[in-house]
Amino acid sequence: MIINNVGYGHRHDADFFIERENGSGDYLLLLLKTDAVFIVDGKEIKVPSDSVFIYPKGRPQYYKCEKGHVFENDWIHFDFSSAEEEREFLSMNIPLETPVHMDIRFLSYCIKSVSYEKYANGKYSTQSIDCFMKLIFIKISELGISNSVKHDSRFDMLSTIRNKIYSNPYEQRNVEIAAHEIRMSRSAFQRAYKKMFGVTFIEDLNKSRISYAEMLLTTTSLSVEDISHMSGYKTYVHFIRCFRLKNNMTPSEYRKMHQKVI
């Protein structure tokens, strides 16, 4: 993840107006703390406070404050380190150029943390920024999903399972355990999970574990075999296979490419 610029708690006067005909050259995430007006494809859209708005790369950016009001927001100009990272973001079906109304307090905390890590330039700042950005994307994606499917108690239960595997990827879980935890049959659980999140439970579990392994590879001197077990994989061979599938390289090659001095 590349953070080109980030701002937290910015306040602008009533004449504030952004006009970028060709966009900003990257993705732009805006967290609106006041009402605002966006112009998309020539049409004005009034966006209420407590909303998220994301511009994709290459799209015109026109937005301003409501007439007679100030403009307050947090923002992040970001891009991706690889095509695979961008594909993963797009696969989350996060609404682009579409306002998403939500409780922004947690996202604002994440943006504040991204800002601190970027300018602190600490030993693990890159890894911390990646984690905060993933949390932001997951929360926006979950809300977009909950607004686009018929909401029932299953969404809350499945979201709990998903949060658990990303918070503790090393815990031993499988389809049977997860389905039993929320009192669903294996087949019903698999169908519901794929429908709501766009990936299978196993794909999501592997993604969380490989992300955790990447963090350990770049921030510790632990052996690759130890990292495979600490990331929740029962066998070293399975870990290597999954890691190569995601990164097109071995864990050792990944470490050599990305590891900072420890």
C-alpha atoms as a PDB file:
ATOM      1  CA  MET A   1       0.000   0.000   0.000  1.00  0.00           C
ATOM      2  CA  ILE A   2       1.315   3.426  -0.982  1.00  0.00           C
ATOM      3  CA  ILE A   3       0.138   6.485   0.960  1.00  0.00           C
ATOM      4  CA  ASN A   4       0.916   9.575  -1.119  1.00  0.00           C
ATOM      5  CA  ASN A   5      -0.686  12.046   1.258  1.00  0.00           C
ATOM      6  CA  VAL A   6      -3.020  11.966   4.237  1.00  0.00           C
ATOM      7  CA  GLY A   7      -4.830  14.577   6.298  1.00  0.00           C
ATOM      8  CA  TYR A   8      -6.821  14.386   9.514  1.00  0.00           C
ATOM      9  CA  GLY A   9      -9.343  16.888  10.900  1.00  0.00           C
ATOM     10  CA  HIS A  10      -8.964  19.493   8.146  1.00  0.00           C
ATOM     11  CA  ARG A  11     -11.348  22.450   8.095  1.00  0.00           C
ATOM     12  CA  HIS A  12     -11.890  24.754   5.087  1.00  0.00           C
ATOM     13  CA  ASP A  13     -13.752  28.013   4.530  1.00  0.00           C
ATOM     14  CA  ALA A  14     -17.120  28.330   2.812  1.00  0.00           C
ATOM     15  CA  ASP A  15     -15.535  29.035  -0.598  1.00  0.00           C
ATOM     16  CA  PHE A  16     -13.750  25.659  -0.648  1.00  0.00           C
ATOM     17  CA  PHE A  17     -13.979  23.941  -4.059  1.00  0.00           C
ATOM     18  CA  ILE A  18     -11.778  21.194  -5.510  1.00  0.00           C
ATOM     19  CA  GLU A  19     -11.557  21.011  -9.317  1.00  0.00           C
ATOM     20  CA  ARG A  20      -9.290  18.326 -10.775  1.00  0.00           C
ATOM     21  CA  GLU A  21     -10.284  17.583 -14.360  1.00  0.00           C
ATOM     22  CA  ASN A  22      -7.987  14.561 -14.620  1.00  0.00           C
ATOM     23  CA  GLY A  23      -8.147  13.458 -11.014  1.00  0.00           C
ATOM     24  CA  SER A  24      -5.209  13.444  -8.620  1.00  0.00           C
ATOM     25  CA  GLY A  25      -3.235  10.610 -10.227  1.00  0.00           C
ATOM     26  CA  ASP A  26      -4.172   8.168  -7.479  1.00  0.00           C
ATOM     27  CA  TYR A  27      -7.134   6.942  -5.436  1.00  0.00           C
ATOM     28  CA  LEU A  28      -8.704   9.461  -3.059  1.00  0.00           C
ATOM     29  CA  LEU A  29     -10.681   8.505   0.033  1.00  0.00           C
ATOM     30  CA  LEU A  30     -12.675  11.289   1.682  1.00  0.00           C
ATOM     31  CA  LEU A  31     -14.266  11.038   5.117  1.00  0.00           C
ATOM     32  CA  LEU A  32     -16.872  13.797   5.334  1.00  0.00           C
ATOM     33  CA  LYS A  33     -17.599  15.442   8.676  1.00  0.00           C
ATOM     34  CA  THR A  34     -19.885  18.114   7.184  1.00  0.00           C
ATOM     35  CA  ASP A  35     -22.422  18.107   4.362  1.00  0.00           C
ATOM     36  CA  ALA A  36     -20.878  18.494   0.912  1.00  0.00           C
ATOM     37  CA  VAL A  37     -21.711  18.664  -2.783  1.00  0.00           C
ATOM     38  CA  PHE A  38     -20.077  16.364  -5.351  1.00  0.00           C
ATOM     39  CA  ILE A  39     -20.318  16.648  -9.114  1.00  0.00           C
ATOM     40  CA  VAL A  40     -20.234  13.270 -10.860  1.00  0.00           C
ATOM     41  CA  ASP A  41     -20.730  13.027 -14.632  1.00  0.00           C
ATOM     42  CA  GLY A  42     -22.058  16.579 -14.670  1.00  0.00           C
ATOM     43  CA  LYS A  43     -24.663  15.998 -11.962  1.00  0.00           C
ATOM     44  CA  GLU A  44     -24.581  17.521  -8.488  1.00  0.00           C
ATOM     45  CA  ILE A  45     -24.953  15.067  -5.615  1.00  0.00           C
ATOM     46  CA  LYS A  46     -25.583  16.301  -2.091  1.00  0.00           C
ATOM     47  CA  VAL A  47     -23.692  14.111   0.353  1.00  0.00           C
ATOM     48  CA  PRO A  48     -24.493  14.249   4.078  1.00  0.00           C
ATOM     49  CA  SER A  49     -21.917  14.384   6.829  1.00  0.00           C
ATOM     50  CA  ASP A  50     -20.727  11.041   8.236  1.00  0.00           C
ATOM     51  CA  SER A  51     -20.157   9.665   4.746  1.00  0.00           C
ATOM     52  CA  VAL A  52     -17.285   8.067   2.835  1.00  0.00           C
ATOM     53  CA  PHE A  53     -16.561   8.901  -0.799  1.00  0.00           C
ATOM     54  CA  ILE A  54     -13.803   7.222  -2.828  1.00  0.00           C
ATOM     55  CA  TYR A  55     -12.542   8.443  -6.196  1.00  0.00           C
ATOM     56  CA  PRO A  56     -10.824   5.829  -8.389  1.00  0.00           C
ATOM     57  CA  LYS A  57      -7.624   6.744 -10.199  1.00  0.00           C
ATOM     58  CA  GLY A  58      -8.086   8.791 -13.357  1.00  0.00           C
ATOM     59  CA  ARG A  59     -11.555  10.120 -12.619  1.00  0.00           C
ATOM     60  CA  PRO A  60     -12.340  13.862 -12.456  1.00  0.00           C
ATOM     61  CA  GLN A  61     -12.638  15.198  -8.910  1.00  0.00           C
ATOM     62  CA  TYR A  62     -15.141  17.982  -8.266  1.00  0.00           C
ATOM     63  CA  TYR A  63     -16.437  18.616  -4.762  1.00  0.00           C
ATOM     64  CA  LYS A  64     -17.239  21.590  -2.552  1.00  0.00           C
ATOM     65  CA  CYS A  65     -18.883  22.579   0.680  1.00  0.00           C
ATOM     66  CA  GLU A  66     -22.582  23.287   1.019  1.00  0.00           C
ATOM     67  CA  LYS A  67     -23.382  26.931   0.266  1.00  0.00           C
ATOM     68  CA  GLY A  68     -22.696  29.070   3.295  1.00  0.00           C
ATOM     69  CA  HIS A  69     -21.090  26.256   5.292  1.00  0.00           C
ATOM     70  CA  VAL A  70     -17.543  25.202   6.123  1.00  0.00           C
ATOM     71  CA  PHE A  71     -16.027  21.930   4.897  1.00  0.00           C
ATOM     72  CA  GLU A  72     -14.473  19.430   7.324  1.00  0.00           C
ATOM     73  CA  ASN A  73     -12.946  16.097   6.360  1.00  0.00           C
ATOM     74  CA  ASP A  74     -10.229  13.487   6.710  1.00  0.00           C
ATOM     75  CA  TRP A  75      -8.607  12.224   3.504  1.00  0.00           C
ATOM     76  CA  ILE A  76      -6.100   9.800   2.073  1.00  0.00           C
ATOM     77  CA  HIS A  77      -4.462   9.809  -1.362  1.00  0.00           C
ATOM     78  CA  PHE A  78      -3.408   6.203  -1.871  1.00  0.00           C
ATOM     79  CA  ASP A  79      -2.244   3.732  -4.484  1.00  0.00           C
ATOM     80  CA  PHE A  80      -1.242   0.087  -4.635  1.00  0.00           C
ATOM     81  CA  SER A  81       2.161  -1.564  -4.545  1.00  0.00           C
ATOM     82  CA  SER A  82       1.161  -4.206  -7.081  1.00  0.00           C
ATOM     83  CA  ALA A  83      -1.570  -5.178  -9.541  1.00  0.00           C
ATOM     84  CA  GLU A  84      -2.510  -8.045  -7.231  1.00  0.00           C
ATOM     85  CA  GLU A  85      -3.064  -5.654  -4.326  1.00  0.00           C
ATOM     86  CA  GLU A  86      -5.309  -3.479  -6.488  1.00  0.00           C
ATOM     87  CA  ARG A  87      -7.285  -6.517  -7.718  1.00  0.00           C
ATOM     88  CA  GLU A  88      -7.836  -7.565  -4.107  1.00  0.00           C
ATOM     89  CA  PHE A  89      -9.197  -4.099  -3.299  1.00  0.00           C
ATOM     90  CA  LEU A  90     -11.519  -4.092  -6.314  1.00  0.00           C
ATOM     91  CA  SER A  91     -12.769  -7.601  -5.473  1.00  0.00           C
ATOM     92  CA  MET A  92     -14.182  -6.232  -2.199  1.00  0.00           C
ATOM     93  CA  ASN A  93     -16.869  -4.423  -4.228  1.00  0.00           C
ATOM     94  CA  ILE A  94     -16.372  -1.159  -2.365  1.00  0.00           C
ATOM     95  CA  PRO A  95     -18.625   1.536  -3.883  1.00  0.00           C
ATOM     96  CA  LEU A  96     -16.594   4.041  -5.915  1.00  0.00           C
ATOM     97  CA  GLU A  97     -17.796   7.566  -6.730  1.00  0.00           C
ATOM     98  CA  THR A  98     -20.798   6.732  -4.571  1.00  0.00           C
ATOM     99  CA  PRO A  99     -21.372   8.150  -1.081  1.00  0.00           C
ATOM    100  CA  VAL A 100     -21.602   5.577   1.708  1.00  0.00           C
ATOM    101  CA  HIS A 101     -23.332   6.903   4.819  1.00  0.00           C
ATOM    102  CA  MET A 102     -22.006   5.294   8.005  1.00  0.00           C
ATOM    103  CA  ASP A 103     -20.644   5.806  11.491  1.00  0.00           C
ATOM    104  CA  ILE A 104     -17.262   7.302  10.612  1.00  0.00           C
ATOM    105  CA  ARG A 105     -15.729   7.488  14.098  1.00  0.00           C
ATOM    106  CA  PHE A 106     -13.713   4.289  13.791  1.00  0.00           C
ATOM    107  CA  LEU A 107     -12.596   5.121  10.246  1.00  0.00           C
ATOM    108  CA  SER A 108     -11.510   8.573  11.413  1.00  0.00           C
ATOM    109  CA  TYR A 109      -9.406   6.921  14.116  1.00  0.00           C
ATOM    110  CA  CYS A 110      -7.819   4.691  11.456  1.00  0.00           C
ATOM    111  CA  ILE A 111      -7.010   7.675   9.221  1.00  0.00           C
ATOM    112  CA  LYS A 112      -5.512   9.535  12.175  1.00  0.00           C
ATOM    113  CA  SER A 113      -3.358   6.462  12.853  1.00  0.00           C
ATOM    114  CA  VAL A 114      -2.291   6.232   9.191  1.00  0.00           C
ATOM    115  CA  SER A 115      -1.279   9.891   9.335  1.00  0.00           C
ATOM    116  CA  TYR A 116       0.781   9.316  12.465  1.00  0.00           C
ATOM    117  CA  GLU A 117       2.516   6.221  11.054  1.00  0.00           C
ATOM    118  CA  LYS A 118       3.335   7.900   7.734  1.00  0.00           C
ATOM    119  CA  TYR A 119       5.027  10.886   9.278  1.00  0.00           C
ATOM    120  CA  ALA A 120       6.540   9.033  12.243  1.00  0.00           C
ATOM    121  CA  ASN A 121       8.303   6.725   9.768  1.00  0.00           C
ATOM    122  CA  GLY A 122       8.823   4.114  12.461  1.00  0.00           C
ATOM    123  CA  LYS A 123      10.356   0.681  12.106  1.00  0.00           C
ATOM    124  CA  TYR A 124       6.984  -0.996  11.501  1.00  0.00           C
ATOM    125  CA  SER A 125       5.087   1.958  10.023  1.00  0.00           C
ATOM    126  CA  THR A 126       4.569   0.304   6.629  1.00  0.00           C
ATOM    127  CA  GLN A 127       3.049  -2.811   8.173  1.00  0.00           C
ATOM    128  CA  SER A 128       0.878  -0.734  10.531  1.00  0.00           C
ATOM    129  CA  ILE A 129      -0.421   1.394   7.652  1.00  0.00           C
ATOM    130  CA  ASP A 130      -1.321  -1.733   5.665  1.00  0.00           C
ATOM    131  CA  CYS A 131      -3.315  -3.063   8.636  1.00  0.00           C
ATOM    132  CA  PHE A 132      -5.224   0.192   9.152  1.00  0.00           C
ATOM    133  CA  MET A 133      -6.018   0.482   5.434  1.00  0.00           C
ATOM    134  CA  LYS A 134      -7.296  -3.106   5.327  1.00  0.00           C
ATOM    135  CA  LEU A 135      -9.554  -2.369   8.293  1.00  0.00           C
ATOM    136  CA  ILE A 136     -10.917   0.718   6.540  1.00  0.00           C
ATOM    137  CA  PHE A 137     -11.649  -1.226   3.359  1.00  0.00           C
ATOM    138  CA  ILE A 138     -13.252  -4.146   5.221  1.00  0.00           C
ATOM    139  CA  LYS A 139     -15.594  -1.857   7.179  1.00  0.00           C
ATOM    140  CA  ILE A 140     -16.686   0.041   4.061  1.00  0.00           C
ATOM    141  CA  SER A 141     -17.103  -3.221   2.134  1.00  0.00           C
ATOM    142  CA  GLU A 142     -19.194  -4.793   4.888  1.00  0.00           C
ATOM    143  CA  LEU A 143     -21.544  -1.815   4.958  1.00  0.00           C
ATOM    144  CA  GLY A 144     -21.876  -1.852   1.176  1.00  0.00           C
ATOM    145  CA  ILE A 145     -22.743  -5.554   1.327  1.00  0.00           C
ATOM    146  CA  SER A 146     -25.242  -5.093   4.139  1.00  0.00           C
ATOM    147  CA  ASN A 147     -26.983  -2.362   2.125  1.00  0.00           C
ATOM    148  CA  SER A 148     -27.148  -4.462  -1.041  1.00  0.00           C
ATOM    149  CA  VAL A 149     -28.480  -7.734   0.412  1.00  0.00           C
ATOM    150  CA  LYS A 150     -31.521  -8.434   2.510  1.00  0.00           C
ATOM    151  CA  HIS A 151     -30.350  -7.826   6.046  1.00  0.00           C
ATOM    152  CA  ASP A 152     -30.942 -10.605   8.536  1.00  0.00           C
ATOM    153  CA  SER A 153     -29.223 -12.016  11.607  1.00  0.00           C
ATOM    154  CA  ARG A 154     -26.865 -14.090   9.407  1.00  0.00           C
ATOM    155  CA  PHE A 155     -24.977 -10.992   8.249  1.00  0.00           C
ATOM    156  CA  ASP A 156     -24.074 -10.022  11.811  1.00  0.00           C
ATOM    157  CA  MET A 157     -23.042 -13.592  12.646  1.00  0.00           C
ATOM    158  CA  LEU A 158     -20.933 -14.011   9.506  1.00  0.00           C
ATOM    159  CA  SER A 159     -19.296 -10.619  10.060  1.00  0.00           C
ATOM    160  CA  THR A 160     -18.305 -11.780  13.546  1.00  0.00           C
ATOM    161  CA  ILE A 161     -16.639 -14.867  12.070  1.00  0.00           C
ATOM    162  CA  ARG A 162     -14.839 -12.768   9.458  1.00  0.00           C
ATOM    163  CA  ASN A 163     -13.565 -10.313  12.052  1.00  0.00           C
ATOM    164  CA  LYS A 164     -12.258 -13.219  14.137  1.00  0.00           C
ATOM    165  CA  ILE A 165     -10.210 -14.748  11.315  1.00  0.00           C
ATOM    166  CA  TYR A 166      -8.619 -11.390  10.473  1.00  0.00           C
ATOM    167  CA  SER A 167      -7.973 -10.534  14.133  1.00  0.00           C
ATOM    168  CA  ASN A 168      -6.599 -13.986  15.028  1.00  0.00           C
ATOM    169  CA  PRO A 169      -5.584 -15.720  11.770  1.00  0.00           C
ATOM    170  CA  TYR A 170      -3.411 -18.237  13.635  1.00  0.00           C
ATOM    171  CA  GLU A 171      -6.363 -19.834  15.459  1.00  0.00           C
ATOM    172  CA  GLN A 172      -7.346 -23.276  14.201  1.00  0.00           C
ATOM    173  CA  ARG A 173     -10.575 -22.863  12.246  1.00  0.00           C
ATOM    174  CA  ASN A 174     -12.261 -24.649   9.397  1.00  0.00           C
ATOM    175  CA  VAL A 175     -15.659 -24.606   7.739  1.00  0.00           C
ATOM    176  CA  GLU A 176     -17.148 -27.066  10.226  1.00  0.00           C
ATOM    177  CA  ILE A 177     -15.996 -25.129  13.286  1.00  0.00           C
ATOM    178  CA  ALA A 178     -17.144 -21.773  11.886  1.00  0.00           C
ATOM    179  CA  ALA A 179     -20.527 -23.132  10.771  1.00  0.00           C
ATOM    180  CA  HIS A 180     -21.102 -24.808  14.150  1.00  0.00           C
ATOM    181  CA  GLU A 181     -20.182 -21.587  15.967  1.00  0.00           C
ATOM    182  CA  ILE A 182     -23.131 -19.753  14.402  1.00  0.00           C
ATOM    183  CA  ARG A 183     -25.412 -22.809  14.265  1.00  0.00           C
ATOM    184  CA  MET A 184     -25.554 -23.220  10.508  1.00  0.00           C
ATOM    185  CA  SER A 185     -25.078 -26.297   8.373  1.00  0.00           C
ATOM    186  CA  ARG A 186     -21.795 -26.555   6.470  1.00  0.00           C
ATOM    187  CA  SER A 187     -23.422 -26.062   3.064  1.00  0.00           C
ATOM    188  CA  ALA A 188     -25.649 -23.167   4.182  1.00  0.00           C
ATOM    189  CA  PHE A 189     -22.669 -21.448   5.819  1.00  0.00           C
ATOM    190  CA  GLN A 190     -20.521 -21.738   2.694  1.00  0.00           C
ATOM    191  CA  ARG A 191     -23.265 -20.391   0.425  1.00  0.00           C
ATOM    192  CA  ALA A 192     -24.068 -17.472   2.740  1.00  0.00           C
ATOM    193  CA  TYR A 193     -20.412 -16.526   3.264  1.00  0.00           C
ATOM    194  CA  LYS A 194     -19.657 -16.458  -0.459  1.00  0.00           C
ATOM    195  CA  LYS A 195     -22.825 -14.472  -1.204  1.00  0.00           C
ATOM    196  CA  MET A 196     -22.136 -11.817   1.411  1.00  0.00           C
ATOM    197  CA  PHE A 197     -18.368 -11.361   1.062  1.00  0.00           C
ATOM    198  CA  GLY A 198     -17.651 -12.448  -2.520  1.00  0.00           C
ATOM    199  CA  VAL A 199     -15.041 -15.027  -1.454  1.00  0.00           C
ATOM    200  CA  THR A 200     -15.247 -18.447   0.125  1.00  0.00           C
ATOM    201  CA  PHE A 201     -14.496 -18.909   3.814  1.00  0.00           C
ATOM    202  CA  ILE A 202     -11.325 -20.880   2.995  1.00  0.00           C
ATOM    203  CA  GLU A 203     -10.102 -18.191   0.583  1.00  0.00           C
ATOM    204  CA  ASP A 204     -10.653 -15.533   3.241  1.00  0.00           C
ATOM    205  CA  LEU A 205      -8.965 -17.633   5.929  1.00  0.00           C
ATOM    206  CA  ASN A 206      -5.906 -18.194   3.730  1.00  0.00           C
ATOM    207  CA  LYS A 207      -5.769 -14.496   2.855  1.00  0.00           C
ATOM    208  CA  SER A 208      -5.735 -13.524   6.545  1.00  0.00           C
ATOM    209  CA  ARG A 209      -3.046 -16.097   7.364  1.00  0.00           C
ATOM    210  CA  ILE A 210      -0.769 -15.154   4.477  1.00  0.00           C
ATOM    211  CA  SER A 211      -1.067 -11.463   5.417  1.00  0.00           C
ATOM    212  CA  TYR A 212      -0.050 -12.352   8.966  1.00  0.00           C
ATOM    213  CA  ALA A 213       2.875 -14.439   7.680  1.00  0.00           C
ATOM    214  CA  GLU A 214       4.009 -11.527   5.475  1.00  0.00           C
ATOM    215  CA  MET A 215       4.083  -9.301   8.546  1.00  0.00           C
ATOM    216  CA  LEU A 216       6.184 -11.837  10.481  1.00  0.00           C
ATOM    217  CA  LEU A 217       8.552 -12.346   7.557  1.00  0.00           C
ATOM    218  CA  THR A 218       9.302  -8.638   7.296  1.00  0.00           C
ATOM    219  CA  THR A 219       9.425  -7.748  11.001  1.00  0.00           C
ATOM    220  CA  THR A 220      11.044 -10.767  12.698  1.00  0.00           C
ATOM    221  CA  SER A 221      13.977 -13.119  12.227  1.00  0.00           C
ATOM    222  CA  LEU A 222      11.888 -16.227  12.913  1.00  0.00           C
ATOM    223  CA  SER A 223      12.466 -19.178  10.599  1.00  0.00           C
ATOM    224  CA  VAL A 224      10.051 -19.661   7.722  1.00  0.00           C
ATOM    225  CA  GLU A 225       8.943 -22.994   9.190  1.00  0.00           C
ATOM    226  CA  ASP A 226       8.179 -21.394  12.559  1.00  0.00           C
ATOM    227  CA  ILE A 227       6.222 -18.647  10.814  1.00  0.00           C
ATOM    228  CA  SER A 228       4.175 -21.227   8.926  1.00  0.00           C
ATOM    229  CA  HIS A 229       3.026 -22.782  12.227  1.00  0.00           C
ATOM    230  CA  MET A 230       2.491 -19.408  13.915  1.00  0.00           C
ATOM    231  CA  SER A 231       0.268 -18.363  10.994  1.00  0.00           C
ATOM    232  CA  GLY A 232      -2.093 -21.292  11.561  1.00  0.00           C
ATOM    233  CA  TYR A 233      -0.823 -23.788   8.974  1.00  0.00           C
ATOM    234  CA  LYS A 234      -0.564 -27.380  10.130  1.00  0.00           C
ATOM    235  CA  THR A 235       2.006 -28.335   7.503  1.00  0.00           C
ATOM    236  CA  TYR A 236       4.943 -26.417   6.077  1.00  0.00           C
ATOM    237  CA  VAL A 237       4.230 -27.723   2.572  1.00  0.00           C
ATOM    238  CA  HIS A 238       0.681 -26.358   2.601  1.00  0.00           C
ATOM    239  CA  PHE A 239       1.952 -22.967   3.771  1.00  0.00           C
ATOM    240  CA  ILE A 240       4.520 -22.776   0.972  1.00  0.00           C
ATOM    241  CA  ARG A 241       1.899 -23.730  -1.620  1.00  0.00           C
ATOM    242  CA  CYS A 242      -0.559 -21.056  -0.418  1.00  0.00           C
ATOM    243  CA  PHE A 243       2.152 -18.401  -0.129  1.00  0.00           C
ATOM    244  CA  ARG A 244       3.439 -19.002  -3.662  1.00  0.00           C
ATOM    245  CA  LEU A 245      -0.110 -18.914  -4.995  1.00  0.00           C
ATOM    246  CA  LYS A 246      -0.665 -15.409  -3.589  1.00  0.00           C
ATOM    247  CA  ASN A 247       2.786 -13.860  -4.078  1.00  0.00           C
ATOM    248  CA  ASN A 248       4.292 -15.850  -6.949  1.00  0.00           C
ATOM    249  CA  MET A 249       7.453 -16.320  -4.862  1.00  0.00           C
ATOM    250  CA  THR A 250       8.630 -18.286  -1.846  1.00  0.00           C
ATOM    251  CA  PRO A 251       8.483 -16.859   1.691  1.00  0.00           C
ATOM    252  CA  SER A 252      12.289 -16.594   1.704  1.00  0.00           C
ATOM    253  CA  GLU A 253      12.258 -14.616  -1.532  1.00  0.00           C
ATOM    254  CA  TYR A 254       9.520 -12.371  -0.149  1.00  0.00           C
ATOM    255  CA  ARG A 255      11.557 -11.751   3.016  1.00  0.00           C
ATOM    256  CA  LYS A 256      14.664 -10.857   1.050  1.00  0.00           C
ATOM    257  CA  MET A 257      12.696  -8.385  -1.066  1.00  0.00           C
ATOM    258  CA  HIS A 258      10.763  -6.674   1.741  1.00  0.00           C
ATOM    259  CA  GLN A 259      12.517  -7.145   5.065  1.00  0.00           C
ATOM    260  CA  LYS A 260      13.787  -4.100   6.904  1.00  0.00           C
ATOM    261  CA  VAL A 261      16.885  -4.207   9.049  1.00  0.00           C
ATOM    262  CA  ILE A 262      15.995  -5.866  12.368  1.00  0.00           C
END
